């Protein structure tokens, strides 16, 4: 049986189970959130597959597993997102990370989430105005 990878910090560690808990708890909270629920319900039709993709992304980020090879930007750029969606997503994600993960791991995952959000905002908005959606080649 393959041993589960773990990221070690000074006194804390994160496992794949912790990542699963983070993803599941975050989406449970996001689906209960008035700002995010409509976007999620309109975009995600197979929750099992979506959870696995997001778990793979965070496993790659925290445990360096190379399980995620997708292009998150293209998937999100096609959605009808507004700046307030990013702000709410980050606030909810921060809260969930600190509730579910050891502090040092929560800080690492939050830093990565903030980086991703900044890149998405830069690629999707100019001075707060959505950029036109370009056709995919």
N, C-alpha and C. Protein backbone atom coordinates (compact mmCIF):
# COMPACT_ATOMS: atom_id res chain seq x y z
N UNK A 1 0.84 -1.17 0.00
CA UNK A 1 0.00 0.00 0.00
C UNK A 1 0.89 1.24 0.00
N UNK A 2 0.55 2.22 -0.85
CA UNK A 2 1.34 3.45 -0.96
C UNK A 2 1.12 4.31 0.28
N UNK A 3 2.24 4.76 0.85
CA UNK A 3 2.14 5.60 2.03
C UNK A 3 1.73 7.01 1.60
N UNK A 4 0.84 7.61 2.37
CA UNK A 4 0.33 8.95 2.06
C UNK A 4 1.43 9.97 2.28
N UNK A 5 1.60 10.87 1.29
CA UNK A 5 2.60 11.93 1.42
C UNK A 5 2.16 12.93 2.47
N UNK A 6 3.13 13.51 3.13
CA UNK A 6 2.87 14.49 4.17
C UNK A 6 3.87 15.63 4.03
N UNK A 7 3.41 16.85 4.26
CA UNK A 7 4.32 17.99 4.33
C UNK A 7 4.61 18.25 5.80
N UNK A 8 5.86 18.31 6.14
CA UNK A 8 6.26 18.53 7.52
C UNK A 8 6.63 20.00 7.71
N UNK A 9 6.20 20.56 8.78
CA UNK A 9 6.65 21.88 9.20
C UNK A 9 7.31 21.68 10.56
N UNK A 10 7.56 22.74 11.27
CA UNK A 10 8.27 22.59 12.54
C UNK A 10 7.60 21.55 13.44
N UNK A 11 6.30 21.68 13.65
CA UNK A 11 5.61 20.72 14.53
C UNK A 11 4.30 20.24 13.92
N UNK A 12 4.00 20.67 12.71
CA UNK A 12 2.71 20.33 12.12
C UNK A 12 2.92 19.62 10.79
N UNK A 13 1.95 18.81 10.40
CA UNK A 13 2.01 18.15 9.11
C UNK A 13 0.63 18.18 8.47
N UNK A 14 0.62 18.04 7.14
CA UNK A 14 -0.62 18.02 6.37
C UNK A 14 -0.64 16.74 5.56
N UNK A 15 -1.79 16.10 5.52
CA UNK A 15 -1.96 14.87 4.76
C UNK A 15 -2.97 15.08 3.64
N UNK A 16 -3.08 14.09 2.78
CA UNK A 16 -4.10 14.12 1.73
C UNK A 16 -5.49 14.22 2.36
N UNK A 17 -5.69 13.59 3.49
CA UNK A 17 -6.99 13.68 4.17
C UNK A 17 -7.29 15.12 4.59
N UNK A 18 -6.26 15.83 5.08
CA UNK A 18 -6.45 17.24 5.44
C UNK A 18 -6.86 18.05 4.21
N UNK A 19 -6.24 17.77 3.09
CA UNK A 19 -6.57 18.48 1.84
C UNK A 19 -8.00 18.17 1.43
N UNK A 20 -8.38 16.89 1.50
CA UNK A 20 -9.78 16.52 1.19
C UNK A 20 -10.74 17.28 2.10
N UNK A 21 -10.43 17.33 3.38
CA UNK A 21 -11.29 18.04 4.33
C UNK A 21 -11.38 19.53 4.00
N UNK A 22 -10.26 20.13 3.64
CA UNK A 22 -10.24 21.55 3.27
C UNK A 22 -11.15 21.79 2.07
N UNK A 23 -10.99 21.00 1.03
CA UNK A 23 -11.78 21.19 -0.20
C UNK A 23 -13.26 20.96 0.07
N UNK A 24 -13.59 19.88 0.73
CA UNK A 24 -15.01 19.56 0.99
C UNK A 24 -15.67 20.62 1.87
N UNK A 25 -14.97 21.04 2.92
CA UNK A 25 -15.53 22.04 3.83
C UNK A 25 -15.66 23.40 3.13
N UNK A 26 -14.65 23.77 2.34
CA UNK A 26 -14.74 25.04 1.63
C UNK A 26 -15.95 25.06 0.71
N UNK A 27 -16.14 24.02 -0.09
CA UNK A 27 -17.26 24.02 -1.02
C UNK A 27 -18.61 23.92 -0.32
N UNK A 28 -18.67 23.26 0.81
CA UNK A 28 -19.91 23.26 1.59
C UNK A 28 -20.25 24.68 2.02
N UNK A 29 -19.25 25.40 2.48
CA UNK A 29 -19.47 26.79 2.90
C UNK A 29 -19.79 27.68 1.70
N UNK A 30 -19.07 27.48 0.59
CA UNK A 30 -19.29 28.31 -0.60
C UNK A 30 -20.69 28.11 -1.16
N UNK A 31 -21.19 26.87 -1.12
CA UNK A 31 -22.55 26.61 -1.62
C UNK A 31 -23.62 27.22 -0.72
N UNK A 32 -23.26 27.50 0.52
CA UNK A 32 -24.20 28.15 1.44
C UNK A 32 -24.08 29.67 1.39
N UNK A 33 -23.15 30.17 0.60
CA UNK A 33 -22.87 31.60 0.53
C UNK A 33 -23.65 32.25 -0.62
N UNK A 34 -24.37 33.31 -0.31
CA UNK A 34 -25.21 33.97 -1.32
C UNK A 34 -24.40 34.52 -2.50
N UNK A 35 -23.20 34.98 -2.26
CA UNK A 35 -22.38 35.56 -3.33
C UNK A 35 -21.83 34.49 -4.28
N UNK A 36 -21.47 33.33 -3.75
CA UNK A 36 -20.77 32.31 -4.55
C UNK A 36 -21.67 31.19 -5.08
N UNK A 37 -22.77 30.93 -4.42
CA UNK A 37 -23.62 29.78 -4.76
C UNK A 37 -24.03 29.77 -6.23
N UNK A 38 -24.48 30.89 -6.76
CA UNK A 38 -24.95 30.92 -8.15
C UNK A 38 -23.86 30.59 -9.15
N UNK A 39 -22.67 31.12 -8.92
CA UNK A 39 -21.54 30.82 -9.81
C UNK A 39 -21.23 29.33 -9.77
N UNK A 40 -21.15 28.77 -8.58
CA UNK A 40 -20.81 27.36 -8.43
C UNK A 40 -21.87 26.45 -9.04
N UNK A 41 -23.13 26.74 -8.75
CA UNK A 41 -24.20 25.90 -9.28
C UNK A 41 -24.27 25.96 -10.79
N UNK A 42 -23.94 27.12 -11.37
CA UNK A 42 -23.95 27.24 -12.82
C UNK A 42 -22.76 26.63 -13.51
N UNK A 43 -21.65 26.48 -12.78
CA UNK A 43 -20.41 26.03 -13.41
C UNK A 43 -20.07 24.57 -13.15
N UNK A 44 -20.48 24.04 -12.00
CA UNK A 44 -20.05 22.70 -11.61
C UNK A 44 -21.23 21.75 -11.68
N UNK A 45 -21.09 20.76 -12.54
CA UNK A 45 -22.18 19.79 -12.73
C UNK A 45 -21.80 18.40 -12.22
N UNK A 46 -20.51 18.19 -12.00
CA UNK A 46 -20.02 16.91 -11.48
C UNK A 46 -19.13 17.21 -10.28
N UNK A 47 -19.73 17.21 -9.10
CA UNK A 47 -19.00 17.61 -7.90
C UNK A 47 -17.88 16.66 -7.56
N UNK A 48 -18.06 15.38 -7.79
CA UNK A 48 -17.00 14.41 -7.48
C UNK A 48 -15.74 14.72 -8.29
N UNK A 49 -15.91 14.95 -9.58
CA UNK A 49 -14.77 15.27 -10.44
C UNK A 49 -14.16 16.62 -10.06
N UNK A 50 -15.01 17.59 -9.75
CA UNK A 50 -14.51 18.91 -9.37
C UNK A 50 -13.71 18.82 -8.07
N UNK A 51 -14.26 18.17 -7.08
CA UNK A 51 -13.53 18.01 -5.81
C UNK A 51 -12.18 17.36 -6.05
N UNK A 52 -12.15 16.32 -6.87
CA UNK A 52 -10.89 15.62 -7.12
C UNK A 52 -9.88 16.53 -7.81
N UNK A 53 -10.33 17.33 -8.77
CA UNK A 53 -9.41 18.25 -9.46
C UNK A 53 -8.84 19.28 -8.49
N UNK A 54 -9.68 19.82 -7.62
CA UNK A 54 -9.22 20.83 -6.66
C UNK A 54 -8.32 20.18 -5.62
N UNK A 55 -8.65 18.98 -5.18
CA UNK A 55 -7.78 18.26 -4.26
C UNK A 55 -6.43 18.00 -4.90
N UNK A 56 -6.43 17.65 -6.18
CA UNK A 56 -5.17 17.43 -6.89
C UNK A 56 -4.34 18.71 -6.94
N UNK A 57 -5.00 19.85 -7.19
CA UNK A 57 -4.28 21.13 -7.23
C UNK A 57 -3.61 21.40 -5.88
N UNK A 58 -4.37 21.27 -4.79
CA UNK A 58 -3.80 21.58 -3.48
C UNK A 58 -2.79 20.52 -3.04
N UNK A 59 -2.96 19.28 -3.45
CA UNK A 59 -1.97 18.25 -3.17
C UNK A 59 -0.66 18.59 -3.88
N UNK A 60 -0.78 19.04 -5.11
CA UNK A 60 0.40 19.47 -5.86
C UNK A 60 1.08 20.64 -5.16
N UNK A 61 0.29 21.60 -4.71
CA UNK A 61 0.82 22.79 -4.05
C UNK A 61 1.46 22.47 -2.71
N UNK A 62 0.79 21.69 -1.89
CA UNK A 62 1.27 21.44 -0.53
C UNK A 62 2.21 20.25 -0.41
N UNK A 63 1.96 19.21 -1.21
CA UNK A 63 2.73 17.98 -1.07
C UNK A 63 3.65 17.70 -2.26
N UNK A 64 3.61 18.57 -3.26
CA UNK A 64 4.45 18.43 -4.45
C UNK A 64 4.26 17.08 -5.14
N UNK A 65 2.98 16.70 -5.34
CA UNK A 65 2.66 15.39 -5.90
C UNK A 65 2.59 15.37 -7.42
N UNK A 66 2.57 16.51 -8.08
CA UNK A 66 2.44 16.58 -9.54
C UNK A 66 1.13 15.97 -10.04
N UNK A 67 0.12 15.95 -9.19
CA UNK A 67 -1.17 15.37 -9.60
C UNK A 67 -2.00 16.33 -10.42
N UNK A 68 -1.75 17.62 -10.33
CA UNK A 68 -2.56 18.58 -11.09
C UNK A 68 -1.76 19.08 -12.28
N UNK A 69 -2.34 18.93 -13.47
CA UNK A 69 -1.68 19.37 -14.70
C UNK A 69 -2.58 20.28 -15.53
N UNK A 70 -3.69 20.72 -14.98
CA UNK A 70 -4.67 21.49 -15.73
C UNK A 70 -4.33 22.96 -15.88
N UNK A 71 -5.24 23.68 -16.53
CA UNK A 71 -5.11 25.12 -16.73
C UNK A 71 -6.30 25.79 -16.05
N UNK A 72 -6.08 26.21 -14.82
CA UNK A 72 -7.16 26.81 -14.04
C UNK A 72 -7.65 28.12 -14.65
N UNK A 73 -6.75 28.90 -15.20
CA UNK A 73 -7.15 30.21 -15.69
C UNK A 73 -8.22 30.10 -16.77
N UNK A 74 -7.99 29.28 -17.77
CA UNK A 74 -8.97 29.15 -18.86
C UNK A 74 -10.33 28.72 -18.34
N UNK A 75 -10.34 27.80 -17.39
CA UNK A 75 -11.61 27.34 -16.83
C UNK A 75 -12.36 28.46 -16.12
N UNK A 76 -11.64 29.26 -15.37
CA UNK A 76 -12.27 30.33 -14.60
C UNK A 76 -12.57 31.56 -15.45
N UNK A 77 -11.75 31.83 -16.45
CA UNK A 77 -11.94 33.02 -17.29
C UNK A 77 -13.26 32.95 -18.06
N UNK A 78 -13.75 31.75 -18.29
CA UNK A 78 -15.00 31.58 -19.03
C UNK A 78 -16.24 31.84 -18.16
N UNK A 79 -16.05 31.96 -16.86
CA UNK A 79 -17.18 32.14 -15.94
C UNK A 79 -17.56 33.62 -15.82
N UNK A 80 -18.80 33.91 -15.47
CA UNK A 80 -19.24 35.31 -15.30
C UNK A 80 -18.82 35.87 -13.93
N UNK A 81 -17.52 35.91 -13.69
CA UNK A 81 -17.00 36.35 -12.39
C UNK A 81 -16.88 37.86 -12.31
N UNK A 82 -17.12 38.37 -11.12
CA UNK A 82 -16.91 39.79 -10.82
C UNK A 82 -15.86 39.88 -9.71
N UNK A 83 -15.30 41.05 -9.51
CA UNK A 83 -14.26 41.21 -8.49
C UNK A 83 -14.74 40.78 -7.11
N UNK A 84 -15.99 41.06 -6.79
CA UNK A 84 -16.48 40.69 -5.46
C UNK A 84 -16.51 39.17 -5.25
N UNK A 85 -16.60 38.40 -6.33
CA UNK A 85 -16.53 36.94 -6.19
C UNK A 85 -15.15 36.53 -5.68
N UNK A 86 -14.09 37.16 -6.20
CA UNK A 86 -12.74 36.84 -5.75
C UNK A 86 -12.56 37.20 -4.28
N UNK A 87 -13.04 38.38 -3.91
CA UNK A 87 -12.90 38.83 -2.52
C UNK A 87 -13.64 37.89 -1.57
N UNK A 88 -14.84 37.51 -1.93
CA UNK A 88 -15.61 36.61 -1.07
C UNK A 88 -14.99 35.23 -1.03
N UNK A 89 -14.54 34.73 -2.20
CA UNK A 89 -13.89 33.42 -2.26
C UNK A 89 -12.69 33.39 -1.33
N UNK A 90 -11.85 34.43 -1.41
CA UNK A 90 -10.65 34.46 -0.57
C UNK A 90 -11.00 34.53 0.91
N UNK A 91 -11.97 35.35 1.27
CA UNK A 91 -12.35 35.46 2.68
C UNK A 91 -12.85 34.12 3.22
N UNK A 92 -13.67 33.46 2.45
CA UNK A 92 -14.22 32.17 2.87
C UNK A 92 -13.12 31.10 2.88
N UNK A 93 -12.23 31.16 1.90
CA UNK A 93 -11.15 30.19 1.84
C UNK A 93 -10.19 30.37 3.02
N UNK A 94 -9.85 31.61 3.34
CA UNK A 94 -8.97 31.88 4.49
C UNK A 94 -9.57 31.29 5.76
N UNK A 95 -10.83 31.59 5.99
CA UNK A 95 -11.50 31.12 7.20
C UNK A 95 -11.50 29.59 7.25
N UNK A 96 -11.81 28.96 6.13
CA UNK A 96 -11.86 27.50 6.09
C UNK A 96 -10.48 26.91 6.31
N UNK A 97 -9.47 27.47 5.67
CA UNK A 97 -8.10 26.95 5.82
C UNK A 97 -7.66 26.99 7.28
N UNK A 98 -7.91 28.10 7.96
CA UNK A 98 -7.52 28.20 9.36
C UNK A 98 -8.35 27.28 10.25
N UNK A 99 -9.58 27.00 9.86
CA UNK A 99 -10.43 26.09 10.64
C UNK A 99 -10.03 24.63 10.46
N UNK A 100 -9.51 24.28 9.28
CA UNK A 100 -9.30 22.88 8.93
C UNK A 100 -7.83 22.44 9.02
N UNK A 101 -6.90 23.32 8.70
CA UNK A 101 -5.49 22.94 8.60
C UNK A 101 -4.68 23.45 9.79
N UNK A 102 -3.53 22.81 10.02
CA UNK A 102 -2.59 23.40 10.98
C UNK A 102 -2.20 24.80 10.50
N UNK A 103 -1.88 25.69 11.42
CA UNK A 103 -1.65 27.10 11.10
C UNK A 103 -0.63 27.31 10.00
N UNK A 104 0.53 26.67 10.07
CA UNK A 104 1.56 26.91 9.06
C UNK A 104 1.11 26.44 7.68
N UNK A 105 0.38 25.34 7.62
CA UNK A 105 -0.14 24.86 6.33
C UNK A 105 -1.24 25.79 5.83
N UNK A 106 -2.08 26.28 6.73
CA UNK A 106 -3.13 27.22 6.33
C UNK A 106 -2.50 28.47 5.74
N UNK A 107 -1.44 28.97 6.36
CA UNK A 107 -0.77 30.16 5.83
C UNK A 107 -0.20 29.90 4.44
N UNK A 108 0.37 28.73 4.23
CA UNK A 108 0.95 28.41 2.92
C UNK A 108 -0.15 28.32 1.85
N UNK A 109 -1.24 27.65 2.16
CA UNK A 109 -2.31 27.48 1.19
C UNK A 109 -3.00 28.83 0.91
N UNK A 110 -3.11 29.66 1.91
CA UNK A 110 -3.71 30.99 1.72
C UNK A 110 -2.81 31.86 0.85
N UNK A 111 -1.51 31.82 1.09
CA UNK A 111 -0.58 32.58 0.24
C UNK A 111 -0.71 32.17 -1.22
N UNK A 112 -0.83 30.88 -1.46
CA UNK A 112 -0.98 30.39 -2.84
C UNK A 112 -2.32 30.84 -3.41
N UNK A 113 -3.39 30.75 -2.64
CA UNK A 113 -4.71 31.18 -3.10
C UNK A 113 -4.72 32.66 -3.43
N UNK A 114 -4.07 33.47 -2.61
CA UNK A 114 -3.99 34.91 -2.87
C UNK A 114 -3.21 35.19 -4.15
N UNK A 115 -2.14 34.44 -4.37
CA UNK A 115 -1.35 34.59 -5.60
C UNK A 115 -2.19 34.25 -6.83
N UNK A 116 -2.90 33.15 -6.76
CA UNK A 116 -3.76 32.73 -7.88
C UNK A 116 -4.84 33.80 -8.14
N UNK A 117 -5.46 34.30 -7.08
CA UNK A 117 -6.51 35.32 -7.24
C UNK A 117 -5.94 36.58 -7.89
N UNK A 118 -4.75 37.00 -7.47
CA UNK A 118 -4.13 38.19 -8.10
C UNK A 118 -3.90 37.96 -9.59
N UNK A 119 -3.41 36.80 -9.94
CA UNK A 119 -3.16 36.50 -11.36
C UNK A 119 -4.46 36.46 -12.15
N UNK A 120 -5.49 35.86 -11.58
CA UNK A 120 -6.78 35.81 -12.27
C UNK A 120 -7.34 37.21 -12.46
N UNK A 121 -7.29 38.02 -11.41
CA UNK A 121 -7.80 39.39 -11.52
C UNK A 121 -7.05 40.16 -12.59
N UNK A 122 -5.73 40.02 -12.64
CA UNK A 122 -4.92 40.71 -13.64
C UNK A 122 -5.28 40.25 -15.05
N UNK A 123 -5.55 38.98 -15.21
CA UNK A 123 -5.87 38.44 -16.52
C UNK A 123 -7.32 38.64 -16.95
N UNK A 124 -8.18 38.96 -16.00
CA UNK A 124 -9.61 39.04 -16.30
C UNK A 124 -10.19 40.45 -16.19
N UNK A 125 -9.45 41.37 -15.55
CA UNK A 125 -9.98 42.72 -15.31
C UNK A 125 -8.89 43.76 -15.58
N UNK A 126 -9.33 44.95 -15.97
CA UNK A 126 -8.44 46.09 -16.09
C UNK A 126 -9.10 47.25 -15.36
N UNK A 127 -8.45 47.74 -14.31
CA UNK A 127 -9.03 48.80 -13.47
C UNK A 127 -10.45 48.44 -13.01
N UNK A 128 -10.65 47.17 -12.68
CA UNK A 128 -11.93 46.73 -12.17
C UNK A 128 -12.97 46.40 -13.23
N UNK A 129 -12.64 46.64 -14.50
CA UNK A 129 -13.59 46.39 -15.60
C UNK A 129 -13.22 45.04 -16.24
N UNK A 130 -14.21 44.17 -16.41
CA UNK A 130 -13.91 42.88 -17.04
C UNK A 130 -13.35 43.06 -18.45
N UNK A 131 -12.31 42.32 -18.75
CA UNK A 131 -11.74 42.30 -20.10
C UNK A 131 -12.64 41.46 -21.00
N UNK A 132 -12.68 41.78 -22.29
CA UNK A 132 -13.51 40.95 -23.19
C UNK A 132 -12.99 39.52 -23.20
N UNK A 133 -13.93 38.61 -23.29
CA UNK A 133 -13.57 37.19 -23.37
C UNK A 133 -13.13 36.89 -24.81
N UNK A 134 -11.93 36.41 -24.96
CA UNK A 134 -11.41 36.11 -26.29
C UNK A 134 -11.76 34.68 -26.67
N UNK A 135 -12.00 34.44 -27.95
CA UNK A 135 -12.28 33.07 -28.36
C UNK A 135 -11.05 32.20 -28.16
N UNK A 136 -11.29 30.96 -27.77
CA UNK A 136 -10.18 30.01 -27.59
C UNK A 136 -9.72 29.52 -28.94
N UNK A 137 -8.43 29.38 -29.08
CA UNK A 137 -7.84 28.89 -30.35
C UNK A 137 -7.78 27.39 -30.36
